[in-house]
Amino acid sequence: VRKGMVLVDERLKPVASWEFDADIAILTHSTTIQPRYQAVIHCEIIRQAIRSTQ
């Protein structure tokens, strides 16, 4: 087990995802948001670089 990994009960049947849909709110710098914009998403214990597609 390495830093950032999470142990999950196999009965939950976890799956990996490369893509997901999200509704986001831009609080600052709304003029810099364009297709392929890169940012960091924080979701509970996950901190991951993302790239928007739209």
Protein backbone atom coordinates (compact mmCIF):
# COMPACT_ATOMS: atom_id res chain seq x y z
CA VAL A 1 0.00 0.00 0.00
CA ARG A 2 1.39 3.36 -1.06
CA LYS A 3 0.49 6.95 -0.19
CA GLY A 4 -2.83 7.91 -1.78
CA MET A 5 -4.13 4.36 -2.10
CA VAL A 6 -7.42 3.38 -0.51
CA LEU A 7 -8.43 -0.06 0.72
CA VAL A 8 -11.96 -0.95 -0.38
CA ASP A 9 -14.09 -3.97 0.43
CA GLU A 10 -14.30 -6.15 -2.70
CA ARG A 11 -18.06 -6.49 -2.16
CA LEU A 12 -18.40 -2.85 -3.27
CA LYS A 13 -17.09 -3.89 -6.71
CA PRO A 14 -14.94 -0.77 -7.31
CA VAL A 15 -14.13 0.24 -10.90
CA ALA A 16 -11.60 2.68 -12.32
CA SER A 17 -12.76 5.60 -14.50
CA TRP A 18 -10.90 7.63 -17.10
CA GLU A 19 -13.83 9.95 -17.77
CA PHE A 20 -16.72 11.42 -15.81
CA ASP A 21 -19.30 14.18 -16.12
CA ALA A 22 -19.33 16.99 -13.58
CA ASP A 23 -21.15 20.23 -12.93
CA ILE A 24 -18.62 22.81 -11.79
CA ALA A 25 -18.78 26.37 -10.54
CA ILE A 26 -15.97 28.75 -11.51
CA LEU A 27 -15.39 31.20 -8.68
CA THR A 28 -12.47 33.17 -10.15
CA HIS A 29 -10.67 33.56 -13.49
CA SER A 30 -13.71 32.59 -15.56
CA THR A 31 -12.13 34.12 -18.69
CA THR A 32 -9.27 31.58 -18.64
CA ILE A 33 -11.57 28.56 -18.79
CA GLN A 34 -11.55 27.13 -22.31
CA PRO A 35 -11.69 23.64 -23.88
CA ARG A 36 -8.74 21.49 -22.72
CA TYR A 37 -8.27 23.68 -19.62
CA GLN A 38 -6.23 21.87 -16.98
CA ALA A 39 -6.94 22.04 -13.27
CA VAL A 40 -6.80 19.92 -10.12
CA ILE A 41 -9.92 18.24 -8.77
CA HIS A 42 -10.27 17.54 -5.05
CA CYS A 43 -12.82 14.84 -4.26
CA GLU A 44 -12.67 13.59 -0.67
CA ILE A 45 -9.18 12.04 -0.43
CA ILE A 46 -8.50 12.21 -4.18
CA ARG A 47 -6.38 15.02 -5.65
CA GLN A 48 -5.99 14.55 -9.40
CA ALA A 49 -5.05 16.69 -12.39
CA ILE A 50 -7.88 16.92 -14.93
CA ARG A 51 -8.45 18.36 -18.39
CA SER A 52 -11.82 19.66 -19.51
CA THR A 53 -13.18 18.49 -22.85
CA GLN A 54 -15.75 21.24 -23.42
